[in-house]
């Protein structure tokens, strides 16, 4: 699958934990109406190597927003489950 689009997401503003990075990517991609298949493809590729591979893969599908006036950080995504997106999910851990 070839994906030529990017999500607006600044990975440097997120906790560097791999699960947090993937959860934030998934949430933003869903907000931007990516299909489940597209999201799963990127995350599968990201998880196919080491941490550096994960970070580089996610970064290749992200771009920073040009106008950074929206400092509304209403989500604390650090504890969200990567698979179901629920905070502190006990089923998926």
C-alpha atoms as a PDB file:
ATOM      1  CA  UNK A   1       0.000   0.000   0.000  1.00  0.00           C
ATOM      2  CA  UNK A   2       1.301   3.442  -0.864  1.00  0.00           C
ATOM      3  CA  UNK A   3       0.146   6.371   1.261  1.00  0.00           C
ATOM      4  CA  UNK A   4       1.023   9.840   0.029  1.00  0.00           C
ATOM      5  CA  UNK A   5      -0.714  11.913   2.676  1.00  0.00           C
ATOM      6  CA  UNK A   6       0.441  13.086   6.090  1.00  0.00           C
ATOM      7  CA  UNK A   7      -1.232  13.906   9.371  1.00  0.00           C
ATOM      8  CA  UNK A   8      -0.688  17.216  11.107  1.00  0.00           C
ATOM      9  CA  UNK A   9       1.170  16.080  14.199  1.00  0.00           C
ATOM     10  CA  UNK A  10       4.296  17.351  15.919  1.00  0.00           C
ATOM     11  CA  UNK A  11       5.953  14.226  17.284  1.00  0.00           C
ATOM     12  CA  UNK A  12       8.447  16.301  19.278  1.00  0.00           C
ATOM     13  CA  UNK A  13       5.646  17.577  21.519  1.00  0.00           C
ATOM     14  CA  UNK A  14       4.638  14.039  22.569  1.00  0.00           C
ATOM     15  CA  UNK A  15       6.097  11.817  25.261  1.00  0.00           C
ATOM     16  CA  UNK A  16       8.749   9.724  23.483  1.00  0.00           C
ATOM     17  CA  UNK A  17       7.214   6.446  24.629  1.00  0.00           C
ATOM     18  CA  UNK A  18       6.524   4.263  21.575  1.00  0.00           C
ATOM     19  CA  UNK A  19       2.962   3.474  22.674  1.00  0.00           C
ATOM     20  CA  UNK A  20       2.204   7.146  23.248  1.00  0.00           C
ATOM     21  CA  UNK A  21       3.590   8.064  19.828  1.00  0.00           C
ATOM     22  CA  UNK A  22       1.480   5.406  18.116  1.00  0.00           C
ATOM     23  CA  UNK A  23      -1.682   6.340  20.053  1.00  0.00           C
ATOM     24  CA  UNK A  24      -1.278   9.990  19.132  1.00  0.00           C
ATOM     25  CA  UNK A  25      -0.659   9.114  15.502  1.00  0.00           C
ATOM     26  CA  UNK A  26      -3.753   6.876  15.430  1.00  0.00           C
ATOM     27  CA  UNK A  27      -5.981   9.514  17.013  1.00  0.00           C
ATOM     28  CA  UNK A  28      -4.814  12.274  14.688  1.00  0.00           C
ATOM     29  CA  UNK A  29      -5.134  10.074  11.611  1.00  0.00           C
ATOM     30  CA  UNK A  30      -8.691   9.204  12.663  1.00  0.00           C
ATOM     31  CA  UNK A  31      -9.479  12.904  13.141  1.00  0.00           C
ATOM     32  CA  UNK A  32      -8.201  13.504   9.616  1.00  0.00           C
ATOM     33  CA  UNK A  33     -10.419  10.721   8.237  1.00  0.00           C
ATOM     34  CA  UNK A  34      -7.725   8.184   7.378  1.00  0.00           C
ATOM     35  CA  UNK A  35      -9.110   4.706   6.816  1.00  0.00           C
ATOM     36  CA  UNK A  36      -8.475   1.943   9.322  1.00  0.00           C
ATOM     37  CA  UNK A  37      -6.410   0.156   6.675  1.00  0.00           C
ATOM     38  CA  UNK A  38      -4.176   3.191   6.142  1.00  0.00           C
ATOM     39  CA  UNK A  39      -3.620   3.655   9.872  1.00  0.00           C
ATOM     40  CA  UNK A  40      -2.964  -0.049  10.425  1.00  0.00           C
ATOM     41  CA  UNK A  41      -0.518  -0.090   7.512  1.00  0.00           C
ATOM     42  CA  UNK A  42       1.557   2.765   8.959  1.00  0.00           C
ATOM     43  CA  UNK A  43       1.524   1.362  12.487  1.00  0.00           C
ATOM     44  CA  UNK A  44       2.387  -2.129  11.283  1.00  0.00           C
ATOM     45  CA  UNK A  45       5.348  -0.764   9.348  1.00  0.00           C
ATOM     46  CA  UNK A  46       6.392   1.358  12.333  1.00  0.00           C
ATOM     47  CA  UNK A  47       6.363  -1.688  14.636  1.00  0.00           C
ATOM     48  CA  UNK A  48       8.375  -3.854  12.221  1.00  0.00           C
ATOM     49  CA  UNK A  49      11.742  -2.614  13.495  1.00  0.00           C
ATOM     50  CA  UNK A  50      13.430  -1.000  16.449  1.00  0.00           C
ATOM     51  CA  UNK A  51      12.499   2.263  18.170  1.00  0.00           C
ATOM     52  CA  UNK A  52      14.431   4.370  15.658  1.00  0.00           C
ATOM     53  CA  UNK A  53      12.548   2.678  12.811  1.00  0.00           C
ATOM     54  CA  UNK A  54       9.231   3.364  14.571  1.00  0.00           C
ATOM     55  CA  UNK A  55      10.106   7.028  15.063  1.00  0.00           C
ATOM     56  CA  UNK A  56      11.336   7.492  11.488  1.00  0.00           C
ATOM     57  CA  UNK A  57       8.291   5.747  10.029  1.00  0.00           C
ATOM     58  CA  UNK A  58       5.825   7.827  12.014  1.00  0.00           C
ATOM     59  CA  UNK A  59       7.755  11.007  11.231  1.00  0.00           C
ATOM     60  CA  UNK A  60       7.557  10.246   7.515  1.00  0.00           C
ATOM     61  CA  UNK A  61       3.748  10.355   7.771  1.00  0.00           C
ATOM     62  CA  UNK A  62       3.589  13.513   9.913  1.00  0.00           C
ATOM     63  CA  UNK A  63       3.982  17.203   9.319  1.00  0.00           C
ATOM     64  CA  UNK A  64       3.870  20.105  11.709  1.00  0.00           C
ATOM     65  CA  UNK A  65       1.015  22.533  11.403  1.00  0.00           C
ATOM     66  CA  UNK A  66       2.133  25.825   9.884  1.00  0.00           C
ATOM     67  CA  UNK A  67      -0.106  28.041  12.060  1.00  0.00           C
ATOM     68  CA  UNK A  68       0.526  26.931  15.624  1.00  0.00           C
ATOM     69  CA  UNK A  69      -2.104  29.109  17.332  1.00  0.00           C
ATOM     70  CA  UNK A  70      -4.042  26.116  18.653  1.00  0.00           C
ATOM     71  CA  UNK A  71      -2.446  25.336  21.984  1.00  0.00           C
ATOM     72  CA  UNK A  72      -5.544  23.497  23.179  1.00  0.00           C
ATOM     73  CA  UNK A  73      -4.174  20.301  24.684  1.00  0.00           C
ATOM     74  CA  UNK A  74      -7.426  18.833  25.947  1.00  0.00           C
ATOM     75  CA  UNK A  75      -6.291  15.227  25.613  1.00  0.00           C
ATOM     76  CA  UNK A  76      -3.832  13.500  27.882  1.00  0.00           C
ATOM     77  CA  UNK A  77      -2.964  10.735  25.430  1.00  0.00           C
ATOM     78  CA  UNK A  78       0.018   9.406  27.331  1.00  0.00           C
ATOM     79  CA  UNK A  79      -1.989   6.648  29.035  1.00  0.00           C
ATOM     80  CA  UNK A  80      -4.276   5.775  26.126  1.00  0.00           C
ATOM     81  CA  UNK A  81      -4.291   2.256  24.738  1.00  0.00           C
ATOM     82  CA  UNK A  82      -2.771   2.039  21.261  1.00  0.00           C
ATOM     83  CA  UNK A  83      -5.299  -0.540  20.093  1.00  0.00           C
ATOM     84  CA  UNK A  84      -8.640   0.665  21.433  1.00  0.00           C
ATOM     85  CA  UNK A  85      -7.696   4.278  22.326  1.00  0.00           C
ATOM     86  CA  UNK A  86      -9.215   3.993  25.819  1.00  0.00           C
ATOM     87  CA  UNK A  87      -7.328   5.570  28.687  1.00  0.00           C
ATOM     88  CA  UNK A  88      -5.659   3.041  30.999  1.00  0.00           C
ATOM     89  CA  UNK A  89      -7.215   0.071  29.187  1.00  0.00           C
ATOM     90  CA  UNK A  90      -6.780  -3.115  31.199  1.00  0.00           C
ATOM     91  CA  UNK A  91      -7.932  -5.418  28.404  1.00  0.00           C
ATOM     92  CA  UNK A  92      -5.265  -4.514  25.865  1.00  0.00           C
ATOM     93  CA  UNK A  93      -2.244  -4.223  28.172  1.00  0.00           C
END
